[in-house]
Amino acid sequence: MPMPERAPDWLTDQLYIELWVSLASLLRSYTAVHGLNKNRQATVELGEERITVRHGDAWLDLERDGAVVRWKREDGTAGTMELTEAGRLETNDGGREEEMDMVVEAWARELMT
């Protein structure tokens, strides 16, 4: 049985770029929803390799290197996750995969409180 062909690197890179843009879009949406009742807004800045979300003194900084996403918070907490080809985020604490929107919703809730 022949081995399936591996996707070309440019195609894999494009996938991670699209997932990165989706991550920023989810951050915009979820921070907006969490700010509706309190008439608050967060700013979401998107770059090719960095997303920064700010609300008051709270912030979240995400940096991408291929599929790897490093995150930092204003309180000094930090971690590393990896975008999967299935559009999920794999955590570095035991390799647990979570849906991207669930991770983003938790970040947005923390930022907007």
PDB file of N, CA and C in Angstrom:
ATOM      1  N   MET A   1       0.844  -1.178   0.000  1.00  0.00           N
ATOM      2  CA  MET A   1       0.000   0.000   0.000  1.00  0.00           C
ATOM      3  C   MET A   1       0.890   1.243   0.000  1.00  0.00           C
ATOM      4  N   PRO A   2       0.722   2.134  -0.972  1.00  0.00           N
ATOM      5  CA  PRO A   2       1.583   3.321  -1.031  1.00  0.00           C
ATOM      6  C   PRO A   2       1.272   4.291   0.102  1.00  0.00           C
ATOM      7  N   MET A   3       2.315   4.978   0.535  1.00  0.00           N
ATOM      8  CA  MET A   3       2.173   5.992   1.584  1.00  0.00           C
ATOM      9  C   MET A   3       1.479   7.227   1.004  1.00  0.00           C
ATOM     10  N   PRO A   4       0.588   7.856   1.758  1.00  0.00           N
ATOM     11  CA  PRO A   4      -0.033   9.095   1.258  1.00  0.00           C
ATOM     12  C   PRO A   4       1.031  10.181   1.138  1.00  0.00           C
ATOM     13  N   GLU A   5       0.853  11.012   0.154  1.00  0.00           N
ATOM     14  CA  GLU A   5       1.810  12.098  -0.045  1.00  0.00           C
ATOM     15  C   GLU A   5       1.640  13.148   1.032  1.00  0.00           C
ATOM     16  N   ARG A   6       2.761  13.686   1.456  1.00  0.00           N
ATOM     17  CA  ARG A   6       2.762  14.765   2.444  1.00  0.00           C
ATOM     18  C   ARG A   6       2.440  16.076   1.726  1.00  0.00           C
ATOM     19  N   ALA A   7       1.670  16.929   2.384  1.00  0.00           N
ATOM     20  CA  ALA A   7       1.334  18.228   1.791  1.00  0.00           C
ATOM     21  C   ALA A   7       2.603  19.051   1.620  1.00  0.00           C
ATOM     22  N   PRO A   8       2.691  19.816   0.553  1.00  0.00           N
ATOM     23  CA  PRO A   8       3.870  20.679   0.373  1.00  0.00           C
ATOM     24  C   PRO A   8       3.987  21.682   1.522  1.00  0.00           C
ATOM     25  N   ASP A   9       5.213  22.060   1.858  1.00  0.00           N
ATOM     26  CA  ASP A   9       5.451  22.985   2.966  1.00  0.00           C
ATOM     27  C   ASP A   9       4.687  24.295   2.802  1.00  0.00           C
ATOM     28  N   TRP A  10       4.619  24.814   1.577  1.00  0.00           N
ATOM     29  CA  TRP A  10       3.925  26.097   1.385  1.00  0.00           C
ATOM     30  C   TRP A  10       2.447  25.975   1.727  1.00  0.00           C
ATOM     31  N   LEU A  11       1.867  24.791   1.472  1.00  0.00           N
ATOM     32  CA  LEU A  11       0.464  24.585   1.780  1.00  0.00           C
ATOM     33  C   LEU A  11       0.245  24.492   3.290  1.00  0.00           C
ATOM     34  N   THR A  12       1.140  23.798   3.976  1.00  0.00           N
ATOM     35  CA  THR A  12       1.074  23.701   5.428  1.00  0.00           C
ATOM     36  C   THR A  12       1.263  25.076   6.057  1.00  0.00           C
ATOM     37  N   ASP A  13       2.223  25.850   5.546  1.00  0.00           N
ATOM     38  CA  ASP A  13       2.442  27.206   6.059  1.00  0.00           C
ATOM     39  C   ASP A  13       1.191  28.062   5.872  1.00  0.00           C
ATOM     40  N   GLN A  14       0.547  27.939   4.710  1.00  0.00           N
ATOM     41  CA  GLN A  14      -0.665  28.717   4.441  1.00  0.00           C
ATOM     42  C   GLN A  14      -1.784  28.333   5.405  1.00  0.00           C
ATOM     43  N   LEU A  15      -1.880  27.047   5.733  1.00  0.00           N
ATOM     44  CA  LEU A  15      -2.886  26.588   6.685  1.00  0.00           C
ATOM     45  C   LEU A  15      -2.693  27.261   8.045  1.00  0.00           C
ATOM     46  N   TYR A  16      -1.445  27.305   8.531  1.00  0.00           N
ATOM     47  CA  TYR A  16      -1.188  27.917   9.832  1.00  0.00           C
ATOM     48  C   TYR A  16      -1.426  29.418   9.807  1.00  0.00           C
ATOM     49  N   ILE A  17      -1.191  30.060   8.678  1.00  0.00           N
ATOM     50  CA  ILE A  17      -1.500  31.488   8.549  1.00  0.00           C
ATOM     51  C   ILE A  17      -3.011  31.697   8.645  1.00  0.00           C
ATOM     52  N   GLU A  18      -3.783  30.862   7.959  1.00  0.00           N
ATOM     53  CA  GLU A  18      -5.245  30.969   8.004  1.00  0.00           C
ATOM     54  C   GLU A  18      -5.774  30.708   9.414  1.00  0.00           C
ATOM     55  N   LEU A  19      -5.215  29.716  10.096  1.00  0.00           N
ATOM     56  CA  LEU A  19      -5.626  29.439  11.478  1.00  0.00           C
ATOM     57  C   LEU A  19      -5.268  30.604  12.391  1.00  0.00           C
ATOM     58  N   TRP A  20      -4.147  31.246  12.154  1.00  0.00           N
ATOM     59  CA  TRP A  20      -3.702  32.411  12.924  1.00  0.00           C
ATOM     60  C   TRP A  20      -4.692  33.565  12.766  1.00  0.00           C
ATOM     61  N   VAL A  21      -5.112  33.824  11.539  1.00  0.00           N
ATOM     62  CA  VAL A  21      -6.095  34.878  11.285  1.00  0.00           C
ATOM     63  C   VAL A  21      -7.420  34.521  11.961  1.00  0.00           C
ATOM     64  N   SER A  22      -7.805  33.259  11.923  1.00  0.00           N
ATOM     65  CA  SER A  22      -9.016  32.809  12.593  1.00  0.00           C
ATOM     66  C   SER A  22      -8.927  33.017  14.098  1.00  0.00           C
ATOM     67  N   LEU A  23      -7.761  32.756  14.660  1.00  0.00           N
ATOM     68  CA  LEU A  23      -7.544  32.968  16.093  1.00  0.00           C
ATOM     69  C   LEU A  23      -7.768  34.435  16.457  1.00  0.00           C
ATOM     70  N   ALA A  24      -7.226  35.341  15.660  1.00  0.00           N
ATOM     71  CA  ALA A  24      -7.421  36.778  15.906  1.00  0.00           C
ATOM     72  C   ALA A  24      -8.889  37.159  15.771  1.00  0.00           C
ATOM     73  N   SER A  25      -9.571  36.604  14.784  1.00  0.00           N
ATOM     74  CA  SER A  25     -10.991  36.896  14.586  1.00  0.00           C
ATOM     75  C   SER A  25     -11.820  36.415  15.773  1.00  0.00           C
ATOM     76  N   LEU A  26     -11.507  35.221  16.271  1.00  0.00           N
ATOM     77  CA  LEU A  26     -12.202  34.718  17.457  1.00  0.00           C
ATOM     78  C   LEU A  26     -11.948  35.613  18.665  1.00  0.00           C
ATOM     79  N   LEU A  27     -10.729  36.093  18.816  1.00  0.00           N
ATOM     80  CA  LEU A  27     -10.417  36.997  19.937  1.00  0.00           C
ATOM     81  C   LEU A  27     -11.230  38.281  19.828  1.00  0.00           C
ATOM     82  N   ARG A  28     -11.350  38.831  18.628  1.00  0.00           N
ATOM     83  CA  ARG A  28     -12.163  40.038  18.434  1.00  0.00           C
ATOM     84  C   ARG A  28     -13.616  39.772  18.817  1.00  0.00           C
ATOM     85  N   SER A  29     -14.142  38.665  18.327  1.00  0.00           N
ATOM     86  CA  SER A  29     -15.558  38.341  18.577  1.00  0.00           C
ATOM     87  C   SER A  29     -15.833  38.087  20.053  1.00  0.00           C
ATOM     88  N   TYR A  30     -15.025  37.249  20.677  1.00  0.00           N
ATOM     89  CA  TYR A  30     -15.298  36.893  22.066  1.00  0.00           C
ATOM     90  C   TYR A  30     -15.047  38.049  23.032  1.00  0.00           C
ATOM     91  N   THR A  31     -14.045  38.883  22.783  1.00  0.00           N
ATOM     92  CA  THR A  31     -13.861  40.045  23.663  1.00  0.00           C
ATOM     93  C   THR A  31     -15.017  41.027  23.475  1.00  0.00           C
ATOM     94  N   ALA A  32     -15.523  41.156  22.247  1.00  0.00           N
ATOM     95  CA  ALA A  32     -16.669  42.037  22.004  1.00  0.00           C
ATOM     96  C   ALA A  32     -17.896  41.533  22.753  1.00  0.00           C
ATOM     97  N   VAL A  33     -18.145  40.244  22.698  1.00  0.00           N
ATOM     98  CA  VAL A  33     -19.302  39.675  23.389  1.00  0.00           C
ATOM     99  C   VAL A  33     -19.179  39.876  24.896  1.00  0.00           C
ATOM    100  N   HIS A  34     -18.000  39.638  25.443  1.00  0.00           N
ATOM    101  CA  HIS A  34     -17.814  39.783  26.893  1.00  0.00           C
ATOM    102  C   HIS A  34     -17.878  41.248  27.340  1.00  0.00           C
ATOM    103  N   GLY A  35     -17.675  42.175  26.425  1.00  0.00           N
ATOM    104  CA  GLY A  35     -17.736  43.587  26.785  1.00  0.00           C
ATOM    105  C   GLY A  35     -19.082  44.238  26.545  1.00  0.00           C
ATOM    106  N   LEU A  36     -20.015  43.539  25.912  1.00  0.00           N
ATOM    107  CA  LEU A  36     -21.313  44.131  25.552  1.00  0.00           C
ATOM    108  C   LEU A  36     -22.080  44.700  26.733  1.00  0.00           C
ATOM    109  N   ASN A  37     -22.286  43.918  27.764  1.00  0.00           N
ATOM    110  CA  ASN A  37     -23.104  44.358  28.895  1.00  0.00           C
ATOM    111  C   ASN A  37     -22.472  45.499  29.678  1.00  0.00           C
ATOM    112  N   LYS A  38     -21.171  45.602  29.617  1.00  0.00           N
ATOM    113  CA  LYS A  38     -20.473  46.627  30.398  1.00  0.00           C
ATOM    114  C   LYS A  38     -19.990  47.781  29.521  1.00  0.00           C
ATOM    115  N   ASN A  39     -20.387  47.752  28.233  1.00  0.00           N
ATOM    116  CA  ASN A  39     -20.000  48.791  27.296  1.00  0.00           C
ATOM    117  C   ASN A  39     -18.480  48.990  27.264  1.00  0.00           C
ATOM    118  N   ARG A  40     -17.749  47.881  27.170  1.00  0.00           N
ATOM    119  CA  ARG A  40     -16.281  47.914  27.119  1.00  0.00           C
ATOM    120  C   ARG A  40     -15.808  47.264  25.834  1.00  0.00           C
ATOM    121  N   GLN A  41     -14.620  47.671  25.413  1.00  0.00           N
ATOM    122  CA  GLN A  41     -14.024  47.087  24.219  1.00  0.00           C
ATOM    123  C   GLN A  41     -12.563  46.764  24.472  1.00  0.00           C
ATOM    124  N   ALA A  42     -12.098  45.730  23.816  1.00  0.00           N
ATOM    125  CA  ALA A  42     -10.676  45.397  23.825  1.00  0.00           C
ATOM    126  C   ALA A  42     -10.121  45.736  22.446  1.00  0.00           C
ATOM    127  N   THR A  43      -8.839  46.002  22.380  1.00  0.00           N
ATOM    128  CA  THR A  43      -8.194  46.176  21.086  1.00  0.00           C
ATOM    129  C   THR A  43      -7.460  44.892  20.746  1.00  0.00           C
ATOM    130  N   VAL A  44      -7.569  44.496  19.496  1.00  0.00           N
ATOM    131  CA  VAL A  44      -6.888  43.299  19.006  1.00  0.00           C
ATOM    132  C   VAL A  44      -6.032  43.721  17.826  1.00  0.00           C
ATOM    133  N   GLU A  45      -4.729  43.581  17.974  1.00  0.00           N
ATOM    134  CA  GLU A  45      -3.784  43.933  16.912  1.00  0.00           C
ATOM    135  C   GLU A  45      -3.253  42.641  16.311  1.00  0.00           C
ATOM    136  N   LEU A  46      -3.377  42.511  14.986  1.00  0.00           N
ATOM    137  CA  LEU A  46      -2.953  41.309  14.285  1.00  0.00           C
ATOM    138  C   LEU A  46      -1.770  41.603  13.389  1.00  0.00           C
ATOM    139  N   GLY A  47      -0.729  40.800  13.524  1.00  0.00           N
ATOM    140  CA  GLY A  47       0.412  40.833  12.629  1.00  0.00           C
ATOM    141  C   GLY A  47       0.687  39.422  12.146  1.00  0.00           C
ATOM    142  N   GLU A  48       1.614  39.269  11.226  1.00  0.00           N
ATOM    143  CA  GLU A  48       1.909  37.945  10.684  1.00  0.00           C
ATOM    144  C   GLU A  48       2.334  36.951  11.751  1.00  0.00           C
ATOM    145  N   GLU A  49       3.028  37.433  12.759  1.00  0.00           N
ATOM    146  CA  GLU A  49       3.550  36.528  13.782  1.00  0.00           C
ATOM    147  C   GLU A  49       3.202  36.958  15.203  1.00  0.00           C
ATOM    148  N   ARG A  50       2.365  37.994  15.357  1.00  0.00           N
ATOM    149  CA  ARG A  50       2.015  38.457  16.695  1.00  0.00           C
ATOM    150  C   ARG A  50       0.575  38.956  16.723  1.00  0.00           C
ATOM    151  N   ILE A  51      -0.115  38.565  17.795  1.00  0.00           N
ATOM    152  CA  ILE A  51      -1.445  39.099  18.100  1.00  0.00           C
ATOM    153  C   ILE A  51      -1.349  39.665  19.511  1.00  0.00           C
ATOM    154  N   THR A  52      -1.800  40.903  19.681  1.00  0.00           N
ATOM    155  CA  THR A  52      -1.832  41.510  21.006  1.00  0.00           C
ATOM    156  C   THR A  52      -3.255  41.970  21.284  1.00  0.00           C
ATOM    157  N   VAL A  53      -3.756  41.574  22.448  1.00  0.00           N
ATOM    158  CA  VAL A  53      -5.099  41.968  22.879  1.00  0.00           C
ATOM    159  C   VAL A  53      -4.938  42.769  24.156  1.00  0.00           C
ATOM    160  N   ARG A  54      -5.591  43.951  24.209  1.00  0.00           N
ATOM    161  CA  ARG A  54      -5.507  44.809  25.394  1.00  0.00           C
ATOM    162  C   ARG A  54      -6.899  45.243  25.829  1.00  0.00           C
ATOM    163  N   HIS A  55      -7.063  45.236  27.140  1.00  0.00           N
ATOM    164  CA  HIS A  55      -8.267  45.798  27.752  1.00  0.00           C
ATOM    165  C   HIS A  55      -7.849  46.367  29.093  1.00  0.00           C
ATOM    166  N   GLY A  56      -7.833  47.694  29.195  1.00  0.00           N
ATOM    167  CA  GLY A  56      -7.354  48.333  30.421  1.00  0.00           C
ATOM    168  C   GLY A  56      -5.920  47.909  30.690  1.00  0.00           C
ATOM    169  N   ASP A  57      -5.662  47.453  31.906  1.00  0.00           N
ATOM    170  CA  ASP A  57      -4.321  46.997  32.271  1.00  0.00           C
ATOM    171  C   ASP A  57      -4.067  45.547  31.888  1.00  0.00           C
ATOM    172  N   ALA A  58      -5.097  44.846  31.455  1.00  0.00           N
ATOM    173  CA  ALA A  58      -4.956  43.430  31.082  1.00  0.00           C
ATOM    174  C   ALA A  58      -4.505  43.325  29.624  1.00  0.00           C
ATOM    175  N   TRP A  59      -3.642  42.375  29.354  1.00  0.00           N
ATOM    176  CA  TRP A  59      -3.227  42.129  27.978  1.00  0.00           C
ATOM    177  C   TRP A  59      -2.830  40.665  27.797  1.00  0.00           C
ATOM    178  N   LEU A  60      -2.887  40.254  26.557  1.00  0.00           N
ATOM    179  CA  LEU A  60      -2.486  38.928  26.127  1.00  0.00           C
ATOM    180  C   LEU A  60      -1.646  39.122  24.883  1.00  0.00           C
ATOM    181  N   ASP A  61      -0.465  38.525  24.881  1.00  0.00           N
ATOM    182  CA  ASP A  61       0.434  38.634  23.739  1.00  0.00           C
ATOM    183  C   ASP A  61       0.677  37.237  23.201  1.00  0.00           C
ATOM    184  N   LEU A  62       0.373  37.032  21.929  1.00  0.00           N
ATOM    185  CA  LEU A  62       0.577  35.746  21.265  1.00  0.00           C
ATOM    186  C   LEU A  62       1.621  35.923  20.178  1.00  0.00           C
ATOM    187  N   GLU A  63       2.546  34.996  20.110  1.00  0.00           N
ATOM    188  CA  GLU A  63       3.589  35.037  19.089  1.00  0.00           C
ATOM    189  C   GLU A  63       3.620  33.683  18.389  1.00  0.00           C
ATOM    190  N   ARG A  64       3.610  33.703  17.053  1.00  0.00           N
ATOM    191  CA  ARG A  64       3.563  32.468  16.272  1.00  0.00           C
ATOM    192  C   ARG A  64       4.876  32.216  15.555  1.00  0.00           C
ATOM    193  N   ASP A  65       5.310  30.969  15.596  1.00  0.00           N
ATOM    194  CA  ASP A  65       6.466  30.504  14.827  1.00  0.00           C
ATOM    195  C   ASP A  65       6.029  29.209  14.164  1.00  0.00           C
ATOM    196  N   GLY A  66       5.541  29.303  12.927  1.00  0.00           N
ATOM    197  CA  GLY A  66       4.968  28.144  12.263  1.00  0.00           C
ATOM    198  C   GLY A  66       3.688  27.757  12.975  1.00  0.00           C
ATOM    199  N   ALA A  67       3.642  26.543  13.492  1.00  0.00           N
ATOM    200  CA  ALA A  67       2.462  26.070  14.216  1.00  0.00           C
ATOM    201  C   ALA A  67       2.538  26.378  15.703  1.00  0.00           C
ATOM    202  N   VAL A  68       3.706  26.763  16.197  1.00  0.00           N
ATOM    203  CA  VAL A  68       3.907  26.992  17.633  1.00  0.00           C
ATOM    204  C   VAL A  68       3.426  28.386  18.017  1.00  0.00           C
ATOM    205  N   VAL A  69       2.624  28.449  19.082  1.00  0.00           N
ATOM    206  CA  VAL A  69       2.102  29.719  19.594  1.00  0.00           C
ATOM    207  C   VAL A  69       2.569  29.882  21.032  1.00  0.00           C
ATOM    208  N   ARG A  70       3.335  30.951  21.283  1.00  0.00           N
ATOM    209  CA  ARG A  70       3.759  31.285  22.647  1.00  0.00           C
ATOM    210  C   ARG A  70       2.862  32.411  23.138  1.00  0.00           C
ATOM    211  N   TRP A  71       2.355  32.266  24.377  1.00  0.00           N
ATOM    212  CA  TRP A  71       1.478  33.300  24.922  1.00  0.00           C
ATOM    213  C   TRP A  71       2.040  33.820  26.236  1.00  0.00           C
ATOM    214  N   LYS A  72       1.773  35.106  26.494  1.00  0.00           N
ATOM    215  CA  LYS A  72       2.170  35.764  27.748  1.00  0.00           C
ATOM    216  C   LYS A  72       1.016  36.637  28.197  1.00  0.00           C
ATOM    217  N   ARG A  73       0.882  36.768  29.521  1.00  0.00           N
ATOM    218  CA  ARG A  73      -0.127  37.637  30.115  1.00  0.00           C
ATOM    219  C   ARG A  73       0.563  38.709  30.949  1.00  0.00           C
ATOM    220  N   GLU A  74      -0.186  39.758  31.286  1.00  0.00           N
ATOM    221  CA  GLU A  74       0.352  40.878  32.067  1.00  0.00           C
ATOM    222  C   GLU A  74       0.813  40.459  33.451  1.00  0.00           C
ATOM    223  N   ASP A  75       0.298  39.353  33.973  1.00  0.00           N
ATOM    224  CA  ASP A  75       0.680  38.895  35.316  1.00  0.00           C
ATOM    225  C   ASP A  75       1.913  38.000  35.317  1.00  0.00           C
ATOM    226  N   GLY A  76       2.542  37.842  34.149  1.00  0.00           N
ATOM    227  CA  GLY A  76       3.764  37.038  34.057  1.00  0.00           C
ATOM    228  C   GLY A  76       3.533  35.589  33.674  1.00  0.00           C
ATOM    229  N   THR A  77       2.275  35.149  33.634  1.00  0.00           N
ATOM    230  CA  THR A  77       2.043  33.768  33.211  1.00  0.00           C
ATOM    231  C   THR A  77       2.320  33.647  31.713  1.00  0.00           C
ATOM    232  N   ALA A  78       2.753  32.475  31.324  1.00  0.00           N
ATOM    233  CA  ALA A  78       3.109  32.246  29.926  1.00  0.00           C
ATOM    234  C   ALA A  78       2.986  30.759  29.622  1.00  0.00           C
ATOM    235  N   GLY A  79       2.950  30.447  28.362  1.00  0.00           N
ATOM    236  CA  GLY A  79       2.890  29.059  27.957  1.00  0.00           C
ATOM    237  C   GLY A  79       3.101  28.919  26.464  1.00  0.00           C
ATOM    238  N   THR A  80       3.080  27.684  26.036  1.00  0.00           N
ATOM    239  CA  THR A  80       3.248  27.370  24.625  1.00  0.00           C
ATOM    240  C   THR A  80       2.145  26.409  24.206  1.00  0.00           C
ATOM    241  N   MET A  81       1.613  26.642  23.030  1.00  0.00           N
ATOM    242  CA  MET A  81       0.607  25.772  22.439  1.00  0.00           C
ATOM    243  C   MET A  81       1.010  25.540  20.995  1.00  0.00           C
ATOM    244  N   GLU A  82       0.328  24.603  20.373  1.00  0.00           N
ATOM    245  CA  GLU A  82       0.603  24.345  18.963  1.00  0.00           C
ATOM    246  C   GLU A  82      -0.706  24.248  18.201  1.00  0.00           C
ATOM    247  N   LEU A  83      -0.768  24.970  17.076  1.00  0.00           N
ATOM    248  CA  LEU A  83      -1.914  24.855  16.187  1.00  0.00           C
ATOM    249  C   LEU A  83      -1.853  23.493  15.514  1.00  0.00           C
ATOM    250  N   THR A  84      -2.983  22.799  15.461  1.00  0.00           N
ATOM    251  CA  THR A  84      -3.015  21.510  14.780  1.00  0.00           C
ATOM    252  C   THR A  84      -3.667  21.688  13.414  1.00  0.00           C
ATOM    253  N   GLU A  85      -3.433  20.753  12.534  1.00  0.00           N
ATOM    254  CA  GLU A  85      -4.035  20.821  11.204  1.00  0.00           C
ATOM    255  C   GLU A  85      -5.551  20.707  11.272  1.00  0.00           C
ATOM    256  N   ALA A  86      -6.077  20.214  12.393  1.00  0.00           N
ATOM    257  CA  ALA A  86      -7.529  20.110  12.586  1.00  0.00           C
ATOM    258  C   ALA A  86      -8.127  21.410  13.114  1.00  0.00           C
ATOM    259  N   GLY A  87      -7.295  22.447  13.302  1.00  0.00           N
ATOM    260  CA  GLY A  87      -7.801  23.734  13.780  1.00  0.00           C
ATOM    261  C   GLY A  87      -7.980  23.807  15.275  1.00  0.00           C
ATOM    262  N   ARG A  88      -7.269  22.977  15.998  1.00  0.00           N
ATOM    263  CA  ARG A  88      -7.320  22.992  17.456  1.00  0.00           C
ATOM    264  C   ARG A  88      -6.000  23.532  17.995  1.00  0.00           C
ATOM    265  N   LEU A  89      -5.973  23.706  19.321  1.00  0.00           N
ATOM    266  CA  LEU A  89      -4.737  24.095  19.994  1.00  0.00           C
ATOM    267  C   LEU A  89      -4.323  22.959  20.917  1.00  0.00           C
ATOM    268  N   GLU A  90      -3.092  22.518  20.754  1.00  0.00           N
ATOM    269  CA  GLU A  90      -2.552  21.467  21.604  1.00  0.00           C
ATOM    270  C   GLU A  90      -1.705  22.125  22.675  1.00  0.00           C
ATOM    271  N   THR A  91      -2.021  21.833  23.932  1.00  0.00           N
ATOM    272  CA  THR A  91      -1.297  22.450  25.041  1.00  0.00           C
ATOM    273  C   THR A  91       0.018  21.735  25.283  1.00  0.00           C
ATOM    274  N   ASN A  92       0.915  22.431  25.941  1.00  0.00           N
ATOM    275  CA  ASN A  92       2.215  21.830  26.244  1.00  0.00           C
ATOM    276  C   ASN A  92       2.198  21.082  27.572  1.00  0.00           C
ATOM    277  N   ASP A  93       1.047  21.015  28.221  1.00  0.00           N
ATOM    278  CA  ASP A  93       0.946  20.316  29.506  1.00  0.00           C
ATOM    279  C   ASP A  93       0.286  18.943  29.314  1.00  0.00           C
ATOM    280  N   GLY A  94       1.011  18.075  28.662  1.00  0.00           N
ATOM    281  CA  GLY A  94       0.495  16.731  28.447  1.00  0.00           C
ATOM    282  C   GLY A  94      -0.090  16.505  27.067  1.00  0.00           C
ATOM    283  N   GLY A  95       0.024  17.483  26.196  1.00  0.00           N
ATOM    284  CA  GLY A  95      -0.437  17.305  24.834  1.00  0.00           C
ATOM    285  C   GLY A  95      -1.938  17.258  24.661  1.00  0.00           C
ATOM    286  N   ARG A  96      -2.676  17.880  25.573  1.00  0.00           N
ATOM    287  CA  ARG A  96      -4.133  17.918  25.488  1.00  0.00           C
ATOM    288  C   ARG A  96      -4.547  18.860  24.352  1.00  0.00           C
ATOM    289  N   GLU A  97      -5.467  18.421  23.504  1.00  0.00           N
ATOM    290  CA  GLU A  97      -5.983  19.269  22.428  1.00  0.00           C
ATOM    291  C   GLU A  97      -7.317  19.861  22.848  1.00  0.00           C
ATOM    292  N   GLU A  98      -7.464  21.163  22.572  1.00  0.00           N
ATOM    293  CA  GLU A  98      -8.728  21.839  22.854  1.00  0.00           C
ATOM    294  C   GLU A  98      -9.177  22.571  21.599  1.00  0.00           C
ATOM    295  N   GLU A  99     -10.486  22.711  21.469  1.00  0.00           N
ATOM    296  CA  GLU A  99     -11.023  23.493  20.357  1.00  0.00           C
ATOM    297  C   GLU A  99     -10.532  24.937  20.507  1.00  0.00           C
ATOM    298  N   MET A 100     -10.164  25.541  19.400  1.00  0.00           N
ATOM    299  CA  MET A 100      -9.620  26.895  19.422  1.00  0.00           C
ATOM    300  C   MET A 100     -10.593  27.880  20.064  1.00  0.00           C
ATOM    301  N   ASP A 101     -11.883  27.768  19.760  1.00  0.00           N
ATOM    302  CA  ASP A 101     -12.833  28.730  20.306  1.00  0.00           C
ATOM    303  C   ASP A 101     -12.985  28.604  21.822  1.00  0.00           C
ATOM    304  N   MET A 102     -12.786  27.410  22.373  1.00  0.00           N
ATOM    305  CA  MET A 102     -12.877  27.243  23.825  1.00  0.00           C
ATOM    306  C   MET A 102     -11.700  27.921  24.530  1.00  0.00           C
ATOM    307  N   VAL A 103     -10.522  27.803  23.959  1.00  0.00           N
ATOM    308  CA  VAL A 103      -9.339  28.457  24.522  1.00  0.00           C
ATOM    309  C   VAL A 103      -9.509  29.968  24.451  1.00  0.00           C
ATOM    310  N   VAL A 104      -9.950  30.463  23.300  1.00  0.00           N
ATOM    311  CA  VAL A 104     -10.123  31.908  23.099  1.00  0.00           C
ATOM    312  C   VAL A 104     -11.208  32.464  24.014  1.00  0.00           C
ATOM    313  N   GLU A 105     -12.296  31.722  24.194  1.00  0.00           N
ATOM    314  CA  GLU A 105     -13.370  32.199  25.075  1.00  0.00           C
ATOM    315  C   GLU A 105     -12.852  32.380  26.495  1.00  0.00           C
ATOM    316  N   ALA A 106     -12.039  31.459  26.968  1.00  0.00           N
ATOM    317  CA  ALA A 106     -11.481  31.564  28.318  1.00  0.00           C
ATOM    318  C   ALA A 106     -10.561  32.778  28.424  1.00  0.00           C
ATOM    319  N   TRP A 107      -9.709  32.993  27.405  1.00  0.00           N
ATOM    320  CA  TRP A 107      -8.839  34.167  27.413  1.00  0.00           C
ATOM    321  C   TRP A 107      -9.672  35.442  27.428  1.00  0.00           C
ATOM    322  N   ALA A 108     -10.693  35.512  26.580  1.00  0.00           N
ATOM    323  CA  ALA A 108     -11.530  36.719  26.487  1.00  0.00           C
ATOM    324  C   ALA A 108     -12.236  36.994  27.814  1.00  0.00           C
ATOM    325  N   ARG A 109     -12.772  35.966  28.425  1.00  0.00           N
ATOM    326  CA  ARG A 109     -13.465  36.130  29.717  1.00  0.00           C
ATOM    327  C   ARG A 109     -12.504  36.712  30.760  1.00  0.00           C
ATOM    328  N   GLU A 110     -11.290  36.156  30.823  1.00  0.00           N
ATOM    329  CA  GLU A 110     -10.293  36.653  31.792  1.00  0.00           C
ATOM    330  C   GLU A 110      -9.904  38.100  31.504  1.00  0.00           C
ATOM    331  N   LEU A 111      -9.710  38.417  30.234  1.00  0.00           N
ATOM    332  CA  LEU A 111      -9.296  39.767  29.868  1.00  0.00           C
ATOM    333  C   LEU A 111     -10.376  40.815  30.152  1.00  0.00           C
ATOM    334  N   MET A 112     -11.631  40.454  29.967  1.00  0.00           N
ATOM    335  CA  MET A 112     -12.706  41.432  30.038  1.00  0.00           C
ATOM    336  C   MET A 112     -13.333  41.570  31.419  1.00  0.00           C
ATOM    337  N   THR A 113     -12.861  40.794  32.426  1.00  0.00           N
ATOM    338  CA  THR A 113     -13.432  40.935  33.766  1.00  0.00           C
ATOM    339  C   THR A 113     -12.695  41.973  34.565  1.00  0.00           C
TER     340      THR A 113
END
